[in-house]
PDB file of N, CA and C in Angstrom:
ATOM      1  N   UNK A   1     175.362 118.573 123.290  1.00  0.00           N
ATOM      2  CA  UNK A   1     176.699 118.740 122.775  1.00  0.00           C
ATOM      3  C   UNK A   1     177.148 117.408 122.194  1.00  0.00           C
ATOM      4  N   UNK A   2     177.659 117.445 120.984  1.00  0.00           N
ATOM      5  CA  UNK A   2     178.129 116.222 120.337  1.00  0.00           C
ATOM      6  C   UNK A   2     179.477 115.823 120.914  1.00  0.00           C
ATOM      7  N   UNK A   3     179.893 114.580 120.623  1.00  0.00           N
ATOM      8  CA  UNK A   3     181.206 114.128 121.078  1.00  0.00           C
ATOM      9  C   UNK A   3     182.304 115.021 120.513  1.00  0.00           C
ATOM     10  N   UNK A   4     182.153 115.423 119.247  1.00  0.00           N
ATOM     11  CA  UNK A   4     183.154 116.289 118.618  1.00  0.00           C
ATOM     12  C   UNK A   4     183.200 117.643 119.317  1.00  0.00           C
ATOM     13  N   UNK A   5     182.027 118.226 119.591  1.00  0.00           N
ATOM     14  CA  UNK A   5     181.988 119.516 120.285  1.00  0.00           C
ATOM     15  C   UNK A   5     182.601 119.394 121.667  1.00  0.00           C
ATOM     16  N   UNK A   6     182.330 118.286 122.349  1.00  0.00           N
ATOM     17  CA  UNK A   6     182.897 118.057 123.669  1.00  0.00           C
ATOM     18  C   UNK A   6     184.415 117.973 123.599  1.00  0.00           C
ATOM     19  N   UNK A   7     184.924 117.249 122.601  1.00  0.00           N
ATOM     20  CA  UNK A   7     186.370 117.113 122.423  1.00  0.00           C
ATOM     21  C   UNK A   7     186.985 118.481 122.143  1.00  0.00           C
ATOM     22  N   UNK A   8     186.311 119.298 121.333  1.00  0.00           N
ATOM     23  CA  UNK A   8     186.818 120.622 121.008  1.00  0.00           C
ATOM     24  C   UNK A   8     186.787 121.560 122.207  1.00  0.00           C
ATOM     25  N   UNK A   9     185.891 121.326 123.147  1.00  0.00           N
ATOM     26  CA  UNK A   9     185.782 122.197 124.310  1.00  0.00           C
ATOM     27  C   UNK A   9     186.794 121.842 125.394  1.00  0.00           C
ATOM     28  N   UNK A  10     187.543 120.761 125.200  1.00  0.00           N
ATOM     29  CA  UNK A  10     188.530 120.363 126.190  1.00  0.00           C
ATOM     30  C   UNK A  10     187.996 119.369 127.204  1.00  0.00           C
ATOM     31  N   UNK A  11     186.701 119.099 127.176  1.00  0.00           N
ATOM     32  CA  UNK A  11     186.127 118.103 128.090  1.00  0.00           C
ATOM     33  C   UNK A  11     186.135 116.763 127.400  1.00  0.00           C
ATOM     34  N   UNK A  12     186.552 115.738 128.121  1.00  0.00           N
ATOM     35  CA  UNK A  12     186.568 114.416 127.495  1.00  0.00           C
ATOM     36  C   UNK A  12     185.288 113.675 127.843  1.00  0.00           C
ATOM     37  N   UNK A  13     184.694 113.089 126.847  1.00  0.00           N
ATOM     38  CA  UNK A  13     183.489 112.290 127.019  1.00  0.00           C
ATOM     39  C   UNK A  13     183.773 110.925 126.424  1.00  0.00           C
ATOM     40  N   UNK A  14     183.643 109.920 127.243  1.00  0.00           N
ATOM     41  CA  UNK A  14     183.853 108.562 126.777  1.00  0.00           C
ATOM     42  C   UNK A  14     182.715 108.173 125.847  1.00  0.00           C
ATOM     43  N   UNK A  15     183.020 107.567 124.703  1.00  0.00           N
ATOM     44  CA  UNK A  15     181.940 107.124 123.810  1.00  0.00           C
ATOM     45  C   UNK A  15     180.977 106.167 124.514  1.00  0.00           C
ATOM     46  N   UNK A  16     181.495 105.384 125.459  1.00  0.00           N
ATOM     47  CA  UNK A  16     180.631 104.449 126.191  1.00  0.00           C
ATOM     48  C   UNK A  16     179.583 105.187 127.012  1.00  0.00           C
ATOM     49  N   UNK A  17     179.941 106.399 127.463  1.00  0.00           N
ATOM     50  CA  UNK A  17     178.993 107.183 128.249  1.00  0.00           C
ATOM     51  C   UNK A  17     177.744 107.489 127.442  1.00  0.00           C
ATOM     52  N   UNK A  18     177.927 107.775 126.175  1.00  0.00           N
ATOM     53  CA  UNK A  18     176.811 108.149 125.319  1.00  0.00           C
ATOM     54  C   UNK A  18     176.191 106.934 124.640  1.00  0.00           C
ATOM     55  N   UNK A  19     177.021 106.025 124.163  1.00  0.00           N
ATOM     56  CA  UNK A  19     176.505 104.913 123.366  1.00  0.00           C
ATOM     57  C   UNK A  19     176.311 103.635 124.165  1.00  0.00           C
ATOM     58  N   UNK A  20     176.755 103.619 125.416  1.00  0.00           N
ATOM     59  CA  UNK A  20     176.604 102.421 126.239  1.00  0.00           C
ATOM     60  C   UNK A  20     175.144 102.130 126.543  1.00  0.00           C
ATOM     61  N   UNK A  21     174.891 100.959 127.079  1.00  0.00           N
ATOM     62  CA  UNK A  21     173.518 100.584 127.401  1.00  0.00           C
ATOM     63  C   UNK A  21     173.092 101.240 128.711  1.00  0.00           C
ATOM     64  N   UNK A  22     171.935 101.872 128.691  1.00  0.00           N
ATOM     65  CA  UNK A  22     171.354 102.522 129.858  1.00  0.00           C
ATOM     66  C   UNK A  22     170.036 101.841 130.182  1.00  0.00           C
ATOM     67  N   UNK A  23     169.763 101.675 131.453  1.00  0.00           N
ATOM     68  CA  UNK A  23     168.562 100.988 131.914  1.00  0.00           C
ATOM     69  C   UNK A  23     167.697 101.932 132.735  1.00  0.00           C
ATOM     70  N   UNK A  24     166.397 101.819 132.557  1.00  0.00           N
ATOM     71  CA  UNK A  24     165.467 102.564 133.397  1.00  0.00           C
ATOM     72  C   UNK A  24     165.306 101.833 134.725  1.00  0.00           C
ATOM     73  N   UNK A  25     164.656 102.480 135.655  1.00  0.00           N
ATOM     74  CA  UNK A  25     164.393 101.850 136.952  1.00  0.00           C
ATOM     75  C   UNK A  25     163.603 100.561 136.762  1.00  0.00           C
ATOM     76  N   UNK A  26     162.566 100.600 135.921  1.00  0.00           N
ATOM     77  CA  UNK A  26     161.752  99.394 135.700  1.00  0.00           C
ATOM     78  C   UNK A  26     162.555  98.277 135.042  1.00  0.00           C
ATOM     79  N   UNK A  27     163.398  98.633 134.068  1.00  0.00           N
ATOM     80  CA  UNK A  27     164.208  97.612 133.395  1.00  0.00           C
ATOM     81  C   UNK A  27     165.194  96.964 134.365  1.00  0.00           C
ATOM     82  N   UNK A  28     165.872  97.786 135.161  1.00  0.00           N
ATOM     83  CA  UNK A  28     166.840  97.235 136.111  1.00  0.00           C
ATOM     84  C   UNK A  28     166.143  96.407 137.180  1.00  0.00           C
ATOM     85  N   UNK A  29     164.992  96.865 137.630  1.00  0.00           N
ATOM     86  CA  UNK A  29     164.240  96.096 138.625  1.00  0.00           C
ATOM     87  C   UNK A  29     163.927  94.700 138.086  1.00  0.00           C
ATOM     88  N   UNK A  30     163.531  94.625 136.817  1.00  0.00           N
ATOM     89  CA  UNK A  30     163.251  93.326 136.207  1.00  0.00           C
ATOM     90  C   UNK A  30     164.477  92.436 136.155  1.00  0.00           C
ATOM     91  N   UNK A  31     165.628  93.022 135.825  1.00  0.00           N
ATOM     92  CA  UNK A  31     166.867  92.256 135.752  1.00  0.00           C
ATOM     93  C   UNK A  31     167.273  91.738 137.133  1.00  0.00           C
ATOM     94  N   UNK A  32     167.154  92.600 138.145  1.00  0.00           N
ATOM     95  CA  UNK A  32     167.563  92.221 139.507  1.00  0.00           C
ATOM     96  C   UNK A  32     166.494  91.436 140.253  1.00  0.00           C
ATOM     97  N   UNK A  33     165.316  91.340 139.645  1.00  0.00           N
ATOM     98  CA  UNK A  33     164.196  90.641 140.272  1.00  0.00           C
ATOM     99  C   UNK A  33     163.802  91.280 141.608  1.00  0.00           C
ATOM    100  N   UNK A  34     163.756  92.617 141.600  1.00  0.00           N
ATOM    101  CA  UNK A  34     163.281  93.380 142.751  1.00  0.00           C
ATOM    102  C   UNK A  34     162.202  94.333 142.248  1.00  0.00           C
ATOM    103  N   UNK A  35     161.428  94.867 143.141  1.00  0.00           N
ATOM    104  CA  UNK A  35     160.404  95.836 142.765  1.00  0.00           C
ATOM    105  C   UNK A  35     161.061  97.178 142.427  1.00  0.00           C
ATOM    106  N   UNK A  36     160.500  97.931 141.480  1.00  0.00           N
ATOM    107  CA  UNK A  36     161.031  99.268 141.200  1.00  0.00           C
ATOM    108  C   UNK A  36     161.105 100.135 142.461  1.00  0.00           C
ATOM    109  N   UNK A  37     160.167  99.937 143.377  1.00  0.00           N
ATOM    110  CA  UNK A  37     160.180 100.722 144.620  1.00  0.00           C
ATOM    111  C   UNK A  37     161.420 100.424 145.461  1.00  0.00           C
ATOM    112  N   UNK A  38     161.979  99.226 145.318  1.00  0.00           N
ATOM    113  CA  UNK A  38     163.210  98.892 146.041  1.00  0.00           C
ATOM    114  C   UNK A  38     164.350  99.766 145.539  1.00  0.00           C
ATOM    115  N   UNK A  39     164.473  99.909 144.222  1.00  0.00           N
ATOM    116  CA  UNK A  39     165.516 100.777 143.673  1.00  0.00           C
ATOM    117  C   UNK A  39     165.310 102.222 144.112  1.00  0.00           C
ATOM    118  N   UNK A  40     164.062 102.675 144.124  1.00  0.00           N
ATOM    119  CA  UNK A  40     163.778 104.045 144.571  1.00  0.00           C
ATOM    120  C   UNK A  40     164.159 104.206 146.043  1.00  0.00           C
ATOM    121  N   UNK A  41     163.872 103.220 146.851  1.00  0.00           N
ATOM    122  CA  UNK A  41     164.214 103.267 148.277  1.00  0.00           C
ATOM    123  C   UNK A  41     165.736 103.304 148.453  1.00  0.00           C
ATOM    124  N   UNK A  42     166.461 102.489 147.669  1.00  0.00           N
ATOM    125  CA  UNK A  42     167.920 102.510 147.740  1.00  0.00           C
ATOM    126  C   UNK A  42     168.463 103.887 147.385  1.00  0.00           C
ATOM    127  N   UNK A  43     167.883 104.531 146.367  1.00  0.00           N
ATOM    128  CA  UNK A  43     168.370 105.846 145.936  1.00  0.00           C
ATOM    129  C   UNK A  43     168.133 106.911 146.987  1.00  0.00           C
ATOM    130  N   UNK A  44     167.037 106.804 147.719  1.00  0.00           N
ATOM    131  CA  UNK A  44     166.700 107.854 148.691  1.00  0.00           C
ATOM    132  C   UNK A  44     167.223 107.556 150.082  1.00  0.00           C
ATOM    133  N   UNK A  45     167.822 106.384 150.287  1.00  0.00           N
ATOM    134  CA  UNK A  45     168.417 106.049 151.585  1.00  0.00           C
ATOM    135  C   UNK A  45     169.592 106.990 151.836  1.00  0.00           C
ATOM    136  N   UNK A  46     169.893 107.222 153.091  1.00  0.00           N
ATOM    137  CA  UNK A  46     171.054 108.035 153.457  1.00  0.00           C
ATOM    138  C   UNK A  46     171.985 107.210 154.299  1.00  0.00           C
ATOM    139  N   UNK A  47     173.161 106.871 153.787  1.00  0.00           N
ATOM    140  CA  UNK A  47     173.675 107.199 152.467  1.00  0.00           C
ATOM    141  C   UNK A  47     172.991 106.365 151.387  1.00  0.00           C
ATOM    142  N   UNK A  48     173.011 106.840 150.138  1.00  0.00           N
ATOM    143  CA  UNK A  48     172.377 106.081 149.052  1.00  0.00           C
ATOM    144  C   UNK A  48     172.966 104.675 148.947  1.00  0.00           C
ATOM    145  N   UNK A  49     172.133 103.741 148.527  1.00  0.00           N
ATOM    146  CA  UNK A  49     172.537 102.346 148.368  1.00  0.00           C
ATOM    147  C   UNK A  49     172.315 101.943 146.922  1.00  0.00           C
ATOM    148  N   UNK A  50     172.686 100.717 146.606  1.00  0.00           N
ATOM    149  CA  UNK A  50     172.436 100.198 145.274  1.00  0.00           C
ATOM    150  C   UNK A  50     173.469 100.656 144.267  1.00  0.00           C
ATOM    151  N   UNK A  51     173.218 100.336 142.997  1.00  0.00           N
ATOM    152  CA  UNK A  51     174.175 100.697 141.950  1.00  0.00           C
ATOM    153  C   UNK A  51     174.160 102.198 141.675  1.00  0.00           C
ATOM    154  N   UNK A  52     175.266 102.719 141.116  1.00  0.00           N
ATOM    155  CA  UNK A  52     175.291 104.137 140.735  1.00  0.00           C
ATOM    156  C   UNK A  52     174.171 104.453 139.744  1.00  0.00           C
ATOM    157  N   UNK A  53     173.692 105.676 139.781  1.00  0.00           N
ATOM    158  CA  UNK A  53     172.593 106.072 138.913  1.00  0.00           C
ATOM    159  C   UNK A  53     172.777 107.509 138.446  1.00  0.00           C
ATOM    160  N   UNK A  54     172.020 107.859 137.424  1.00  0.00           N
ATOM    161  CA  UNK A  54     172.044 109.223 136.876  1.00  0.00           C
ATOM    162  C   UNK A  54     170.628 109.765 136.918  1.00  0.00           C
ATOM    163  N   UNK A  55     170.366 110.771 137.759  1.00  0.00           N
ATOM    164  CA  UNK A  55     169.040 111.386 137.766  1.00  0.00           C
ATOM    165  C   UNK A  55     168.937 112.355 136.580  1.00  0.00           C
ATOM    166  N   UNK A  56     168.297 111.897 135.510  1.00  0.00           N
ATOM    167  CA  UNK A  56     168.178 112.695 134.292  1.00  0.00           C
ATOM    168  C   UNK A  56     167.184 113.833 134.496  1.00  0.00           C
ATOM    169  N   UNK A  57     166.115 113.545 135.224  1.00  0.00           N
ATOM    170  CA  UNK A  57     165.118 114.563 135.565  1.00  0.00           C
ATOM    171  C   UNK A  57     164.446 114.109 136.856  1.00  0.00           C
ATOM    172  N   UNK A  58     163.435 114.865 137.291  1.00  0.00           N
ATOM    173  CA  UNK A  58     162.714 114.473 138.500  1.00  0.00           C
ATOM    174  C   UNK A  58     162.021 113.122 138.344  1.00  0.00           C
ATOM    175  N   UNK A  59     161.689 112.772 137.109  1.00  0.00           N
ATOM    176  CA  UNK A  59     160.926 111.546 136.874  1.00  0.00           C
ATOM    177  C   UNK A  59     161.720 110.434 136.200  1.00  0.00           C
ATOM    178  N   UNK A  60     162.919 110.730 135.723  1.00  0.00           N
ATOM    179  CA  UNK A  60     163.694 109.734 134.976  1.00  0.00           C
ATOM    180  C   UNK A  60     165.059 109.543 135.627  1.00  0.00           C
ATOM    181  N   UNK A  61     165.354 108.297 135.970  1.00  0.00           N
ATOM    182  CA  UNK A  61     166.654 107.906 136.497  1.00  0.00           C
ATOM    183  C   UNK A  61     167.174 106.783 135.627  1.00  0.00           C
ATOM    184  N   UNK A  62     168.427 106.880 135.239  1.00  0.00           N
ATOM    185  CA  UNK A  62     169.033 105.849 134.405  1.00  0.00           C
ATOM    186  C   UNK A  62     170.214 105.203 135.120  1.00  0.00           C
ATOM    187  N   UNK A  63     170.449 103.956 134.759  1.00  0.00           N
ATOM    188  CA  UNK A  63     171.555 103.182 135.302  1.00  0.00           C
ATOM    189  C   UNK A  63     172.401 102.691 134.135  1.00  0.00           C
ATOM    190  N   UNK A  64     173.704 102.877 134.222  1.00  0.00           N
ATOM    191  CA  UNK A  64     174.617 102.358 133.217  1.00  0.00           C
ATOM    192  C   UNK A  64     174.761 100.853 133.434  1.00  0.00           C
ATOM    193  N   UNK A  65     174.616 100.094 132.358  1.00  0.00           N
ATOM    194  CA  UNK A  65     174.770  98.639 132.468  1.00  0.00           C
ATOM    195  C   UNK A  65     176.166  98.284 132.981  1.00  0.00           C
ATOM    196  N   UNK A  66     177.165  99.064 132.591  1.00  0.00           N
ATOM    197  CA  UNK A  66     178.535  98.817 133.056  1.00  0.00           C
ATOM    198  C   UNK A  66     178.632  99.048 134.559  1.00  0.00           C
ATOM    199  N   UNK A  67     178.030 100.141 135.054  1.00  0.00           N
ATOM    200  CA  UNK A  67     178.040 100.411 136.496  1.00  0.00           C
ATOM    201  C   UNK A  67     177.314  99.319 137.267  1.00  0.00           C
ATOM    202  N   UNK A  68     176.196  98.854 136.717  1.00  0.00           N
ATOM    203  CA  UNK A  68     175.428  97.800 137.387  1.00  0.00           C
ATOM    204  C   UNK A  68     176.267  96.524 137.459  1.00  0.00           C
ATOM    205  N   UNK A  69     176.953  96.200 136.374  1.00  0.00           N
ATOM    206  CA  UNK A  69     177.808  95.004 136.377  1.00  0.00           C
ATOM    207  C   UNK A  69     178.904  95.133 137.433  1.00  0.00           C
ATOM    208  N   UNK A  70     179.562  96.292 137.517  1.00  0.00           N
ATOM    209  CA  UNK A  70     180.606  96.499 138.523  1.00  0.00           C
ATOM    210  C   UNK A  70     180.034  96.382 139.933  1.00  0.00           C
ATOM    211  N   UNK A  71     178.859  96.964 140.135  1.00  0.00           N
ATOM    212  CA  UNK A  71     178.219  96.916 141.450  1.00  0.00           C
ATOM    213  C   UNK A  71     177.896  95.474 141.838  1.00  0.00           C
ATOM    214  N   UNK A  72     177.343  94.714 140.898  1.00  0.00           N
ATOM    215  CA  UNK A  72     177.030  93.310 141.185  1.00  0.00           C
ATOM    216  C   UNK A  72     178.299  92.517 141.494  1.00  0.00           C
ATOM    217  N   UNK A  73     179.341  92.729 140.698  1.00  0.00           N
ATOM    218  CA  UNK A  73     180.604  92.013 140.948  1.00  0.00           C
ATOM    219  C   UNK A  73     181.178  92.366 142.323  1.00  0.00           C
ATOM    220  N   UNK A  74     181.028  93.614 142.749  1.00  0.00           N
ATOM    221  CA  UNK A  74     181.559  94.034 144.046  1.00  0.00           C
ATOM    222  C   UNK A  74     180.804  93.382 145.203  1.00  0.00           C
ATOM    223  N   UNK A  75     179.597  92.957 144.963  1.00  0.00           N
ATOM    224  CA  UNK A  75     178.775  92.336 146.008  1.00  0.00           C
ATOM    225  C   UNK A  75     178.863  90.815 145.998  1.00  0.00           C
ATOM    226  N   UNK A  76     179.576  90.282 145.043  1.00  0.00           N
ATOM    227  CA  UNK A  76     179.673  88.823 144.875  1.00  0.00           C
ATOM    228  C   UNK A  76     180.337  88.193 146.087  1.00  0.00           C
ATOM    229  N   UNK A  77     179.726  87.142 146.585  1.00  0.00           N
ATOM    230  CA  UNK A  77     180.272  86.379 147.698  1.00  0.00           C
ATOM    231  C   UNK A  77     180.537  84.971 147.209  1.00  0.00           C
ATOM    232  N   UNK A  78     181.783  84.544 147.314  1.00  0.00           N
ATOM    233  CA  UNK A  78     182.161  83.173 146.980  1.00  0.00           C
ATOM    234  C   UNK A  78     182.128  82.387 148.282  1.00  0.00           C
ATOM    235  N   UNK A  79     181.123  81.508 148.470  1.00  0.00           N
ATOM    236  CA  UNK A  79     180.982  80.801 149.742  1.00  0.00           C
ATOM    237  C   UNK A  79     182.243  80.023 150.138  1.00  0.00           C
ATOM    238  N   UNK A  80     182.905  79.444 149.165  1.00  0.00           N
ATOM    239  CA  UNK A  80     184.104  78.664 149.470  1.00  0.00           C
ATOM    240  C   UNK A  80     185.202  79.577 150.025  1.00  0.00           C
ATOM    241  N   UNK A  81     185.393  80.723 149.387  1.00  0.00           N
ATOM    242  CA  UNK A  81     186.405  81.664 149.851  1.00  0.00           C
ATOM    243  C   UNK A  81     186.022  82.253 151.207  1.00  0.00           C
ATOM    244  N   UNK A  82     184.758  82.584 151.377  1.00  0.00           N
ATOM    245  CA  UNK A  82     184.300  83.153 152.643  1.00  0.00           C
ATOM    246  C   UNK A  82     184.504  82.165 153.789  1.00  0.00           C
ATOM    247  N   UNK A  83     184.264  80.882 153.542  1.00  0.00           N
ATOM    248  CA  UNK A  83     184.445  79.866 154.574  1.00  0.00           C
ATOM    249  C   UNK A  83     185.917  79.736 154.957  1.00  0.00           C
ATOM    250  N   UNK A  84     186.792  79.814 153.959  1.00  0.00           N
ATOM    251  CA  UNK A  84     188.234  79.702 154.228  1.00  0.00           C
ATOM    252  C   UNK A  84     188.745  80.871 155.052  1.00  0.00           C
ATOM    253  N   UNK A  85     188.184  82.060 154.810  1.00  0.00           N
ATOM    254  CA  UNK A  85     188.672  83.264 155.481  1.00  0.00           C
ATOM    255  C   UNK A  85     187.812  83.662 156.670  1.00  0.00           C
ATOM    256  N   UNK A  86     186.810  82.878 156.966  1.00  0.00           N
ATOM    257  CA  UNK A  86     185.976  83.145 158.127  1.00  0.00           C
ATOM    258  C   UNK A  86     185.107  84.380 158.004  1.00  0.00           C
ATOM    259  N   UNK A  87     184.788  84.798 156.774  1.00  0.00           N
ATOM    260  CA  UNK A  87     183.940  85.974 156.578  1.00  0.00           C
ATOM    261  C   UNK A  87     182.484  85.567 156.505  1.00  0.00           C
ATOM    262  N   UNK A  88     181.657  86.385 157.120  1.00  0.00           N
ATOM    263  CA  UNK A  88     180.215  86.173 156.969  1.00  0.00           C
ATOM    264  C   UNK A  88     179.740  86.987 155.784  1.00  0.00           C
ATOM    265  N   UNK A  89     178.504  86.833 155.434  1.00  0.00           N
ATOM    266  CA  UNK A  89     177.904  87.589 154.331  1.00  0.00           C
ATOM    267  C   UNK A  89     177.791  89.046 154.774  1.00  0.00           C
ATOM    268  N   UNK A  90     178.691  89.899 154.290  1.00  0.00           N
ATOM    269  CA  UNK A  90     178.745  91.285 154.747  1.00  0.00           C
ATOM    270  C   UNK A  90     177.597  92.138 154.239  1.00  0.00           C
ATOM    271  N   UNK A  91     176.849  91.658 153.276  1.00  0.00           N
ATOM    272  CA  UNK A  91     175.759  92.469 152.732  1.00  0.00           C
ATOM    273  C   UNK A  91     174.417  92.143 153.368  1.00  0.00           C
ATOM    274  N   UNK A  92     174.391  91.196 154.241  1.00  0.00           N
ATOM    275  CA  UNK A  92     173.148  90.876 154.947  1.00  0.00           C
ATOM    276  C   UNK A  92     173.257  91.426 156.357  1.00  0.00           C
ATOM    277  N   UNK A  93     172.552  92.502 156.602  1.00  0.00           N
ATOM    278  CA  UNK A  93     172.625  93.133 157.893  1.00  0.00           C
ATOM    279  C   UNK A  93     171.336  92.937 158.689  1.00  0.00           C
ATOM    280  N   UNK A  94     170.474  92.075 158.195  1.00  0.00           N
ATOM    281  CA  UNK A  94     169.208  91.829 158.866  1.00  0.00           C
ATOM    282  C   UNK A  94     169.458  91.024 160.134  1.00  0.00           C
ATOM    283  N   UNK A  95     168.764  91.408 161.176  1.00  0.00           N
ATOM    284  CA  UNK A  95     168.857  90.649 162.410  1.00  0.00           C
ATOM    285  C   UNK A  95     167.669  89.706 162.493  1.00  0.00           C
ATOM    286  N   UNK A  96     167.852  88.612 163.182  1.00  0.00           N
ATOM    287  CA  UNK A  96     166.732  87.698 163.360  1.00  0.00           C
ATOM    288  C   UNK A  96     165.725  88.330 164.305  1.00  0.00           C
ATOM    289  N   UNK A  97     164.517  87.820 164.300  1.00  0.00           N
ATOM    290  CA  UNK A  97     163.450  88.380 165.132  1.00  0.00           C
ATOM    291  C   UNK A  97     163.836  88.389 166.608  1.00  0.00           C
ATOM    292  N   UNK A  98     164.539  87.354 167.054  1.00  0.00           N
ATOM    293  CA  UNK A  98     164.919  87.286 168.473  1.00  0.00           C
ATOM    294  C   UNK A  98     165.955  88.342 168.827  1.00  0.00           C
ATOM    295  N   UNK A  99     166.729  88.839 167.838  1.00  0.00           N
ATOM    296  CA  UNK A  99     167.729  89.863 168.086  1.00  0.00           C
ATOM    297  C   UNK A  99     167.121  91.259 168.207  1.00  0.00           C
ATOM    298  N   UNK A 100     165.895  91.426 167.776  1.00  0.00           N
ATOM    299  CA  UNK A 100     165.277  92.747 167.714  1.00  0.00           C
ATOM    300  C   UNK A 100     164.657  93.183 169.026  1.00  0.00           C
ATOM    301  N   UNK A 101     164.546  92.288 169.959  1.00  0.00           N
ATOM    302  CA  UNK A 101     163.924  92.647 171.223  1.00  0.00           C
ATOM    303  C   UNK A 101     162.422  92.459 171.154  1.00  0.00           C
ATOM    304  N   UNK A 102     161.713  92.963 172.163  1.00  0.00           N
ATOM    305  CA  UNK A 102     160.256  92.752 172.210  1.00  0.00           C
ATOM    306  C   UNK A 102     159.536  93.444 171.064  1.00  0.00           C
ATOM    307  N   UNK A 103     158.472  92.811 170.652  1.00  0.00           N
ATOM    308  CA  UNK A 103     157.682  93.342 169.561  1.00  0.00           C
ATOM    309  C   UNK A 103     156.824  94.500 170.061  1.00  0.00           C
ATOM    310  N   UNK A 104     156.713  95.552 169.257  1.00  0.00           N
ATOM    311  CA  UNK A 104     155.877  96.711 169.595  1.00  0.00           C
ATOM    312  C   UNK A 104     154.742  96.774 168.615  1.00  0.00           C
ATOM    313  N   UNK A 105     153.637  96.153 168.944  1.00  0.00           N
ATOM    314  CA  UNK A 105     152.488  96.137 168.022  1.00  0.00           C
ATOM    315  C   UNK A 105     151.407  97.029 168.481  1.00  0.00           C
TER     316      UNK A 105
END
């Protein structure tokens, strides 16, 4: 459906939705410097993690560059501000090895 057809049908479609920059899993992985499997793991986590995505088909997932930018900005930690307000890094939930208890090998 074209933008004009969409407008005529009463549904609004933002031009940015169609003409904006879209990234594949591999492209976004390269930008974020993570493995593509990391993005796939984030998508299949419950609840889903990572930036918003659009599952175009079973094999194709796209990410809006605008959504990725918003997601990155939302995760931004300003160390100076965090120190003033006594906040720790809220996105790091990893525990140290000693916090995990005995090793089960």
